[in-house]
Amino acid sequence: MPITTQLFDLTGHVALVTGGNSGIGLGMADGLAAHGATVAIWGTNPDKNAAAAAALRAHGGTVLDLVCDVGDQQAVIASMAETVSTLGRVDSCFVNAGVGGKAPSFVGMTDEEWHRVLRVNLDGAFYTAQEAVKQMVGQGEGGSVVFTTSGSAYFGQQKGQHYGGSKGAVISMMKGIAVEHARHGIRCNAILPGWIESDMTAGALSWDKFVDNVLPRVPMRRWGKPADFSALAVYLASGASGYHTGDVITIDGGYHSF
């Protein structure tokens, strides 16, 4: 086997991807499965879960799909237990599940809307990462935890202060995990996407005025695709990233640099 193939061979590796039934999560799961990983995907829509799992199984490996609302701590605990019971272990966890904001304005943002977003994007990220790290510490062989963040963590988002706040918080959480759990061989990083074609961005990317104003600001002159995250997921799951931790990796076609 060529050395480059060995470097990214995930045979025997178990990867968990939350929000893995579409968009960036499915793009990551597809790359992991294609490189030999056993993959678990968690999502709230059973039909989307089943369709995604069927597509991933085309790579020839084992795929587990579970319905899990990551904002419910007990559901996360139960889903992690079922994942480990079924697949034997968890070696990498991609904390990707999230929801977008729907506030009309900052002053018009209701308490219900604030907590709807924080419940999934921050509480859910905490519950998922905590259970994954517990499992990895117990296994005693290290691991990789990867959060999905957003440019709004650094630059803010009008009408989306709750969304940007949650994404800024996961960067801080990531860095704390990276420092505290390096002694356990656990790496922790975050991926910061630009404008990516997904269910969450479908409304904006199909709005002519938005496209006319924003696409010219993307130096690559295209929207990102879920497949753009496949290789990065493989790298972060594999031993190739064994000394890479505490980092925010931007995949945005140059958008945040222009």
C-alpha atoms as a PDB file:
ATOM      1  CA  MET A   1       0.000   0.000   0.000  1.00  0.00           C
ATOM      2  CA  PRO A   2       1.486   3.430  -0.956  1.00  0.00           C
ATOM      3  CA  ILE A   3       2.478   5.574   2.024  1.00  0.00           C
ATOM      4  CA  THR A   4      -0.094   8.236   1.113  1.00  0.00           C
ATOM      5  CA  THR A   5      -2.816   5.607   1.134  1.00  0.00           C
ATOM      6  CA  GLN A   6      -1.654   4.268   4.500  1.00  0.00           C
ATOM      7  CA  LEU A   7      -1.651   7.781   5.959  1.00  0.00           C
ATOM      8  CA  PHE A   8      -5.357   8.242   5.313  1.00  0.00           C
ATOM      9  CA  ASP A   9      -6.543   4.661   5.690  1.00  0.00           C
ATOM     10  CA  LEU A  10      -9.359   4.682   8.257  1.00  0.00           C
ATOM     11  CA  THR A  11      -9.978   0.944   8.349  1.00  0.00           C
ATOM     12  CA  GLY A  12     -11.022   0.034  11.900  1.00  0.00           C
ATOM     13  CA  HIS A  13     -11.744   3.678  12.755  1.00  0.00           C
ATOM     14  CA  VAL A  14     -15.198   4.624  14.082  1.00  0.00           C
ATOM     15  CA  ALA A  15     -16.355   8.164  13.291  1.00  0.00           C
ATOM     16  CA  LEU A  16     -19.466   9.922  14.579  1.00  0.00           C
ATOM     17  CA  VAL A  17     -20.971  12.846  12.648  1.00  0.00           C
ATOM     18  CA  THR A  18     -23.889  14.783  14.126  1.00  0.00           C
ATOM     19  CA  GLY A  19     -26.086  16.446  11.548  1.00  0.00           C
ATOM     20  CA  GLY A  20     -24.568  13.863   9.231  1.00  0.00           C
ATOM     21  CA  ASN A  21     -27.628  13.328   7.047  1.00  0.00           C
ATOM     22  CA  SER A  22     -27.130  16.345   4.745  1.00  0.00           C
ATOM     23  CA  GLY A  23     -24.931  19.299   3.871  1.00  0.00           C
ATOM     24  CA  ILE A  24     -21.468  19.645   5.374  1.00  0.00           C
ATOM     25  CA  GLY A  25     -22.069  16.746   7.765  1.00  0.00           C
ATOM     26  CA  LEU A  26     -22.889  14.345   4.959  1.00  0.00           C
ATOM     27  CA  GLY A  27     -19.914  15.594   2.973  1.00  0.00           C
ATOM     28  CA  MET A  28     -17.648  14.786   5.910  1.00  0.00           C
ATOM     29  CA  ALA A  29     -19.314  11.411   6.523  1.00  0.00           C
ATOM     30  CA  ASP A  30     -18.919  10.513   2.852  1.00  0.00           C
ATOM     31  CA  GLY A  31     -15.185  11.167   2.908  1.00  0.00           C
ATOM     32  CA  LEU A  32     -14.780   9.149   6.101  1.00  0.00           C
ATOM     33  CA  ALA A  33     -16.753   6.196   4.730  1.00  0.00           C
ATOM     34  CA  ALA A  34     -14.875   6.308   1.425  1.00  0.00           C
ATOM     35  CA  HIS A  35     -11.593   5.931   3.304  1.00  0.00           C
ATOM     36  CA  GLY A  36     -12.705   2.874   5.227  1.00  0.00           C
ATOM     37  CA  ALA A  37     -14.174   4.283   8.425  1.00  0.00           C
ATOM     38  CA  THR A  38     -17.195   2.839  10.145  1.00  0.00           C
ATOM     39  CA  VAL A  39     -19.563   5.791  10.393  1.00  0.00           C
ATOM     40  CA  ALA A  40     -22.379   6.758  12.744  1.00  0.00           C
ATOM     41  CA  ILE A  41     -24.633   9.648  11.755  1.00  0.00           C
ATOM     42  CA  TRP A  42     -27.075  11.351  14.089  1.00  0.00           C
ATOM     43  CA  GLY A  43     -29.940  13.499  12.843  1.00  0.00           C
ATOM     44  CA  THR A  44     -33.485  14.396  13.775  1.00  0.00           C
ATOM     45  CA  ASN A  45     -35.144  13.389  10.477  1.00  0.00           C
ATOM     46  CA  PRO A  46     -35.390   9.580  10.173  1.00  0.00           C
ATOM     47  CA  ASP A  47     -36.050   9.634   6.421  1.00  0.00           C
ATOM     48  CA  LYS A  48     -33.006  11.820   5.729  1.00  0.00           C
ATOM     49  CA  ASN A  49     -30.951   9.640   8.070  1.00  0.00           C
ATOM     50  CA  ALA A  50     -31.951   6.489   6.207  1.00  0.00           C
ATOM     51  CA  ALA A  51     -31.250   8.000   2.779  1.00  0.00           C
ATOM     52  CA  ALA A  52     -27.841   9.285   3.885  1.00  0.00           C
ATOM     53  CA  ALA A  53     -26.933   5.953   5.459  1.00  0.00           C
ATOM     54  CA  ALA A  54     -27.853   4.105   2.277  1.00  0.00           C
ATOM     55  CA  ALA A  55     -25.620   6.404   0.232  1.00  0.00           C
ATOM     56  CA  LEU A  56     -22.732   5.952   2.664  1.00  0.00           C
ATOM     57  CA  ARG A  57     -23.061   2.161   2.620  1.00  0.00           C
ATOM     58  CA  ALA A  58     -22.263   2.261  -1.092  1.00  0.00           C
ATOM     59  CA  HIS A  59     -18.634   2.610  -0.014  1.00  0.00           C
ATOM     60  CA  GLY A  60     -18.858  -0.908   1.431  1.00  0.00           C
ATOM     61  CA  GLY A  61     -18.551  -0.187   5.127  1.00  0.00           C
ATOM     62  CA  THR A  62     -20.782  -0.268   8.185  1.00  0.00           C
ATOM     63  CA  VAL A  63     -23.044   2.734   8.798  1.00  0.00           C
ATOM     64  CA  LEU A  64     -25.275   3.367  11.805  1.00  0.00           C
ATOM     65  CA  ASP A  65     -27.939   6.062  11.684  1.00  0.00           C
ATOM     66  CA  LEU A  66     -29.697   7.221  14.832  1.00  0.00           C
ATOM     67  CA  VAL A  67     -32.418   9.773  15.500  1.00  0.00           C
ATOM     68  CA  CYS A  68     -30.976  12.127  18.103  1.00  0.00           C
ATOM     69  CA  ASP A  69     -31.902  15.641  19.186  1.00  0.00           C
ATOM     70  CA  VAL A  70     -28.531  16.874  20.449  1.00  0.00           C
ATOM     71  CA  GLY A  71     -30.215  19.598  22.507  1.00  0.00           C
ATOM     72  CA  ASP A  72     -31.570  16.866  24.771  1.00  0.00           C
ATOM     73  CA  GLN A  73     -28.748  15.718  27.053  1.00  0.00           C
ATOM     74  CA  GLN A  74     -30.346  12.381  27.874  1.00  0.00           C
ATOM     75  CA  ALA A  75     -30.870  11.677  24.165  1.00  0.00           C
ATOM     76  CA  VAL A  76     -27.175  12.364  23.544  1.00  0.00           C
ATOM     77  CA  ILE A  77     -26.127  10.085  26.394  1.00  0.00           C
ATOM     78  CA  ALA A  78     -28.405   7.317  25.103  1.00  0.00           C
ATOM     79  CA  SER A  79     -27.295   7.740  21.487  1.00  0.00           C
ATOM     80  CA  MET A  80     -23.618   7.649  22.445  1.00  0.00           C
ATOM     81  CA  ALA A  81     -24.237   4.480  24.446  1.00  0.00           C
ATOM     82  CA  GLU A  82     -26.040   2.877  21.489  1.00  0.00           C
ATOM     83  CA  THR A  83     -23.290   3.974  19.087  1.00  0.00           C
ATOM     84  CA  VAL A  84     -20.593   2.422  21.258  1.00  0.00           C
ATOM     85  CA  SER A  85     -22.663  -0.700  21.937  1.00  0.00           C
ATOM     86  CA  THR A  86     -23.227  -1.232  18.215  1.00  0.00           C
ATOM     87  CA  LEU A  87     -19.885  -0.125  16.768  1.00  0.00           C
ATOM     88  CA  GLY A  88     -17.572  -0.846  19.687  1.00  0.00           C
ATOM     89  CA  ARG A  89     -15.911   2.547  20.127  1.00  0.00           C
ATOM     90  CA  VAL A  90     -15.730   6.156  18.911  1.00  0.00           C
ATOM     91  CA  ASP A  91     -12.406   7.443  17.558  1.00  0.00           C
ATOM     92  CA  SER A  92     -13.506  10.752  16.082  1.00  0.00           C
ATOM     93  CA  CYS A  93     -16.529  12.951  16.645  1.00  0.00           C
ATOM     94  CA  PHE A  94     -17.617  15.701  14.283  1.00  0.00           C
ATOM     95  CA  VAL A  95     -19.835  18.041  16.313  1.00  0.00           C
ATOM     96  CA  ASN A  96     -21.692  19.472  13.347  1.00  0.00           C
ATOM     97  CA  ALA A  97     -25.445  19.575  14.119  1.00  0.00           C
ATOM     98  CA  GLY A  98     -26.833  23.090  14.138  1.00  0.00           C
ATOM     99  CA  VAL A  99     -29.776  25.347  13.337  1.00  0.00           C
ATOM    100  CA  GLY A 100     -29.946  28.807  11.810  1.00  0.00           C
ATOM    101  CA  GLY A 101     -31.495  31.923  13.321  1.00  0.00           C
ATOM    102  CA  LYS A 102     -34.961  33.252  12.475  1.00  0.00           C
ATOM    103  CA  ALA A 103     -35.125  36.548  14.359  1.00  0.00           C
ATOM    104  CA  PRO A 104     -36.604  39.606  12.567  1.00  0.00           C
ATOM    105  CA  SER A 105     -34.015  41.850  14.269  1.00  0.00           C
ATOM    106  CA  PHE A 106     -31.872  41.964  17.394  1.00  0.00           C
ATOM    107  CA  VAL A 107     -34.427  44.023  19.333  1.00  0.00           C
ATOM    108  CA  GLY A 108     -37.198  41.780  18.015  1.00  0.00           C
ATOM    109  CA  MET A 109     -35.472  38.549  19.045  1.00  0.00           C
ATOM    110  CA  THR A 110     -37.632  36.636  21.504  1.00  0.00           C
ATOM    111  CA  ASP A 111     -36.373  34.641  24.442  1.00  0.00           C
ATOM    112  CA  GLU A 112     -37.818  31.559  22.771  1.00  0.00           C
ATOM    113  CA  GLU A 113     -35.826  32.196  19.577  1.00  0.00           C
ATOM    114  CA  TRP A 114     -32.628  32.882  21.553  1.00  0.00           C
ATOM    115  CA  HIS A 115     -32.898  29.588  23.395  1.00  0.00           C
ATOM    116  CA  ARG A 116     -34.008  27.614  20.311  1.00  0.00           C
ATOM    117  CA  VAL A 117     -30.660  28.332  18.676  1.00  0.00           C
ATOM    118  CA  LEU A 118     -28.463  28.077  21.792  1.00  0.00           C
ATOM    119  CA  ARG A 119     -30.136  24.795  22.774  1.00  0.00           C
ATOM    120  CA  VAL A 120     -28.816  23.034  19.656  1.00  0.00           C
ATOM    121  CA  ASN A 121     -25.757  25.027  18.631  1.00  0.00           C
ATOM    122  CA  LEU A 122     -24.169  25.411  22.055  1.00  0.00           C
ATOM    123  CA  ASP A 123     -25.860  23.093  24.557  1.00  0.00           C
ATOM    124  CA  GLY A 124     -26.005  20.322  21.964  1.00  0.00           C
ATOM    125  CA  ALA A 125     -22.356  20.846  21.045  1.00  0.00           C
ATOM    126  CA  PHE A 126     -21.394  20.649  24.722  1.00  0.00           C
ATOM    127  CA  TYR A 127     -23.413  17.492  25.376  1.00  0.00           C
ATOM    128  CA  THR A 128     -22.032  15.768  22.276  1.00  0.00           C
ATOM    129  CA  ALA A 129     -18.405  16.734  22.812  1.00  0.00           C
ATOM    130  CA  GLN A 130     -18.530  15.856  26.504  1.00  0.00           C
ATOM    131  CA  GLU A 131     -19.857  12.357  25.849  1.00  0.00           C
ATOM    132  CA  ALA A 132     -17.356  11.831  23.031  1.00  0.00           C
ATOM    133  CA  VAL A 133     -14.424  12.934  25.170  1.00  0.00           C
ATOM    134  CA  LYS A 134     -15.587  10.730  28.057  1.00  0.00           C
ATOM    135  CA  GLN A 135     -15.635   7.779  25.676  1.00  0.00           C
ATOM    136  CA  MET A 136     -12.224   8.572  24.206  1.00  0.00           C
ATOM    137  CA  VAL A 137     -10.621   9.045  27.631  1.00  0.00           C
ATOM    138  CA  GLY A 138     -12.060   5.699  28.691  1.00  0.00           C
ATOM    139  CA  GLN A 139     -10.727   3.981  25.575  1.00  0.00           C
ATOM    140  CA  GLY A 140      -7.272   5.299  26.381  1.00  0.00           C
ATOM    141  CA  GLU A 141      -6.138   5.589  22.763  1.00  0.00           C
ATOM    142  CA  GLY A 142      -6.736   9.278  22.043  1.00  0.00           C
ATOM    143  CA  GLY A 143      -9.094  10.608  19.434  1.00  0.00           C
ATOM    144  CA  SER A 144     -10.257  13.641  17.485  1.00  0.00           C
ATOM    145  CA  VAL A 145     -13.119  16.047  18.193  1.00  0.00           C
ATOM    146  CA  VAL A 146     -14.068  18.567  15.508  1.00  0.00           C
ATOM    147  CA  PHE A 147     -16.618  21.376  15.854  1.00  0.00           C
ATOM    148  CA  THR A 148     -18.311  23.233  12.992  1.00  0.00           C
ATOM    149  CA  THR A 149     -18.182  26.966  13.656  1.00  0.00           C
ATOM    150  CA  SER A 150     -18.920  30.027  11.471  1.00  0.00           C
ATOM    151  CA  GLY A 151     -17.438  33.308  10.322  1.00  0.00           C
ATOM    152  CA  SER A 152     -20.128  34.957  12.448  1.00  0.00           C
ATOM    153  CA  ALA A 153     -18.064  33.881  15.468  1.00  0.00           C
ATOM    154  CA  TYR A 154     -15.538  36.563  14.505  1.00  0.00           C
ATOM    155  CA  PHE A 155     -17.511  39.063  12.445  1.00  0.00           C
ATOM    156  CA  GLY A 156     -20.999  38.835  13.957  1.00  0.00           C
ATOM    157  CA  GLN A 157     -24.301  38.389  12.188  1.00  0.00           C
ATOM    158  CA  GLN A 158     -27.097  40.920  12.050  1.00  0.00           C
ATOM    159  CA  LYS A 159     -30.370  39.412  13.244  1.00  0.00           C
ATOM    160  CA  GLY A 160     -28.249  36.417  14.246  1.00  0.00           C
ATOM    161  CA  GLN A 161     -26.508  37.462  17.435  1.00  0.00           C
ATOM    162  CA  HIS A 162     -27.596  34.178  19.011  1.00  0.00           C
ATOM    163  CA  TYR A 163     -26.181  32.189  16.086  1.00  0.00           C
ATOM    164  CA  GLY A 164     -22.861  34.037  16.041  1.00  0.00           C
ATOM    165  CA  GLY A 165     -22.635  33.887  19.812  1.00  0.00           C
ATOM    166  CA  SER A 166     -23.087  30.120  19.804  1.00  0.00           C
ATOM    167  CA  LYS A 167     -20.418  29.698  17.145  1.00  0.00           C
ATOM    168  CA  GLY A 168     -17.965  31.892  19.009  1.00  0.00           C
ATOM    169  CA  ALA A 169     -18.560  29.870  22.142  1.00  0.00           C
ATOM    170  CA  VAL A 170     -17.753  26.558  20.444  1.00  0.00           C
ATOM    171  CA  ILE A 171     -14.353  27.937  19.405  1.00  0.00           C
ATOM    172  CA  SER A 172     -13.615  28.714  23.047  1.00  0.00           C
ATOM    173  CA  MET A 173     -14.884  25.273  24.062  1.00  0.00           C
ATOM    174  CA  MET A 174     -12.712  23.663  21.398  1.00  0.00           C
ATOM    175  CA  LYS A 175      -9.547  25.378  22.585  1.00  0.00           C
ATOM    176  CA  GLY A 176     -10.259  24.427  26.192  1.00  0.00           C
ATOM    177  CA  ILE A 177     -10.752  20.777  25.241  1.00  0.00           C
ATOM    178  CA  ALA A 178      -7.564  20.831  23.141  1.00  0.00           C
ATOM    179  CA  VAL A 179      -5.501  22.035  26.081  1.00  0.00           C
ATOM    180  CA  GLU A 180      -7.100  19.943  28.827  1.00  0.00           C
ATOM    181  CA  HIS A 181      -7.235  16.666  26.934  1.00  0.00           C
ATOM    182  CA  ALA A 182      -3.965  16.718  24.999  1.00  0.00           C
ATOM    183  CA  ARG A 183      -2.629  14.595  27.861  1.00  0.00           C
ATOM    184  CA  HIS A 184      -5.149  11.936  26.811  1.00  0.00           C
ATOM    185  CA  GLY A 185      -4.049  12.054  23.181  1.00  0.00           C
ATOM    186  CA  ILE A 186      -7.253  13.828  22.166  1.00  0.00           C
ATOM    187  CA  ARG A 187      -7.034  16.513  19.489  1.00  0.00           C
ATOM    188  CA  CYS A 188      -9.731  19.146  19.138  1.00  0.00           C
ATOM    189  CA  ASN A 189     -10.209  21.555  16.242  1.00  0.00           C
ATOM    190  CA  ALA A 190     -12.939  23.534  14.501  1.00  0.00           C
ATOM    191  CA  ILE A 191     -13.903  23.953  10.858  1.00  0.00           C
ATOM    192  CA  LEU A 192     -15.114  27.376   9.716  1.00  0.00           C
ATOM    193  CA  PRO A 193     -17.095  27.141   6.455  1.00  0.00           C
ATOM    194  CA  GLY A 194     -17.941  29.942   4.085  1.00  0.00           C
ATOM    195  CA  TRP A 195     -21.150  29.933   2.047  1.00  0.00           C
ATOM    196  CA  ILE A 196     -21.863  26.255   1.436  1.00  0.00           C
ATOM    197  CA  GLU A 197     -24.761  24.697  -0.457  1.00  0.00           C
ATOM    198  CA  SER A 198     -26.968  23.062   2.197  1.00  0.00           C
ATOM    199  CA  ASP A 199     -30.497  23.003   3.539  1.00  0.00           C
ATOM    200  CA  MET A 200     -29.601  25.799   5.980  1.00  0.00           C
ATOM    201  CA  THR A 201     -28.358  28.148   3.245  1.00  0.00           C
ATOM    202  CA  ALA A 202     -30.834  27.162   0.509  1.00  0.00           C
ATOM    203  CA  GLY A 203     -33.013  30.231   1.038  1.00  0.00           C
ATOM    204  CA  ALA A 204     -30.140  32.701   0.744  1.00  0.00           C
ATOM    205  CA  LEU A 205     -28.390  30.962  -2.130  1.00  0.00           C
ATOM    206  CA  SER A 206     -31.588  30.900  -4.186  1.00  0.00           C
ATOM    207  CA  TRP A 207     -32.302  34.619  -3.611  1.00  0.00           C
ATOM    208  CA  ASP A 208     -31.105  36.569  -6.661  1.00  0.00           C
ATOM    209  CA  LYS A 209     -30.256  39.744  -4.741  1.00  0.00           C
ATOM    210  CA  PHE A 210     -28.147  37.803  -2.253  1.00  0.00           C
ATOM    211  CA  VAL A 211     -26.342  35.930  -5.023  1.00  0.00           C
ATOM    212  CA  ASP A 212     -25.647  39.141  -6.946  1.00  0.00           C
ATOM    213  CA  ASN A 213     -24.221  40.847  -3.860  1.00  0.00           C
ATOM    214  CA  VAL A 214     -22.315  38.003  -2.219  1.00  0.00           C
ATOM    215  CA  LEU A 215     -21.006  35.666  -4.908  1.00  0.00           C
ATOM    216  CA  PRO A 216     -18.682  38.366  -6.359  1.00  0.00           C
ATOM    217  CA  ARG A 217     -17.098  38.548  -2.884  1.00  0.00           C
ATOM    218  CA  VAL A 218     -16.076  34.883  -3.065  1.00  0.00           C
ATOM    219  CA  PRO A 219     -12.678  34.787  -4.817  1.00  0.00           C
ATOM    220  CA  MET A 220     -13.252  31.210  -6.017  1.00  0.00           C
ATOM    221  CA  ARG A 221     -16.477  32.464  -7.680  1.00  0.00           C
ATOM    222  CA  ARG A 222     -18.593  29.544  -6.551  1.00  0.00           C
ATOM    223  CA  TRP A 223     -20.449  28.365  -3.486  1.00  0.00           C
ATOM    224  CA  GLY A 224     -18.856  25.627  -1.453  1.00  0.00           C
ATOM    225  CA  LYS A 225     -20.168  22.087  -1.698  1.00  0.00           C
ATOM    226  CA  PRO A 226     -20.460  19.378   0.975  1.00  0.00           C
ATOM    227  CA  ALA A 227     -17.781  17.394  -0.876  1.00  0.00           C
ATOM    228  CA  ASP A 228     -15.309  20.208  -0.149  1.00  0.00           C
ATOM    229  CA  PHE A 229     -15.238  18.950   3.455  1.00  0.00           C
ATOM    230  CA  SER A 230     -14.635  15.279   2.748  1.00  0.00           C
ATOM    231  CA  ALA A 231     -10.836  15.310   2.612  1.00  0.00           C
ATOM    232  CA  LEU A 232     -10.519  17.621   5.609  1.00  0.00           C
ATOM    233  CA  ALA A 233     -12.630  15.257   7.707  1.00  0.00           C
ATOM    234  CA  VAL A 234     -10.396  12.358   6.692  1.00  0.00           C
ATOM    235  CA  TYR A 235      -7.285  14.338   7.633  1.00  0.00           C
ATOM    236  CA  LEU A 236      -8.667  15.346  11.037  1.00  0.00           C
ATOM    237  CA  ALA A 237      -9.789  11.785  11.802  1.00  0.00           C
ATOM    238  CA  SER A 238      -6.517  10.211  10.722  1.00  0.00           C
ATOM    239  CA  GLY A 239      -3.131  10.014  12.357  1.00  0.00           C
ATOM    240  CA  ALA A 240      -1.906  12.549   9.792  1.00  0.00           C
ATOM    241  CA  SER A 241      -3.292  15.265  12.103  1.00  0.00           C
ATOM    242  CA  GLY A 242      -1.655  13.772  15.187  1.00  0.00           C
ATOM    243  CA  TYR A 243       0.022  17.074  16.199  1.00  0.00           C
ATOM    244  CA  HIS A 244      -2.716  19.396  14.951  1.00  0.00           C
ATOM    245  CA  THR A 245      -4.958  20.686  17.733  1.00  0.00           C
ATOM    246  CA  GLY A 246      -6.565  23.870  19.018  1.00  0.00           C
ATOM    247  CA  ASP A 247      -6.990  25.254  15.507  1.00  0.00           C
ATOM    248  CA  VAL A 248      -9.764  26.870  13.452  1.00  0.00           C
ATOM    249  CA  ILE A 249      -9.497  25.705   9.831  1.00  0.00           C
ATOM    250  CA  THR A 250     -11.263  27.918   7.282  1.00  0.00           C
ATOM    251  CA  ILE A 251     -12.832  26.422   4.141  1.00  0.00           C
ATOM    252  CA  ASP A 252     -14.510  29.345   2.409  1.00  0.00           C
ATOM    253  CA  GLY A 253     -13.156  29.844  -1.114  1.00  0.00           C
ATOM    254  CA  GLY A 254     -11.393  32.950   0.176  1.00  0.00           C
ATOM    255  CA  TYR A 255     -14.597  34.717   1.278  1.00  0.00           C
ATOM    256  CA  HIS A 256     -13.360  35.865   4.678  1.00  0.00           C
ATOM    257  CA  SER A 257     -10.057  37.079   3.219  1.00  0.00           C
ATOM    258  CA  PHE A 258     -11.555  39.350   0.548  1.00  0.00           C
END
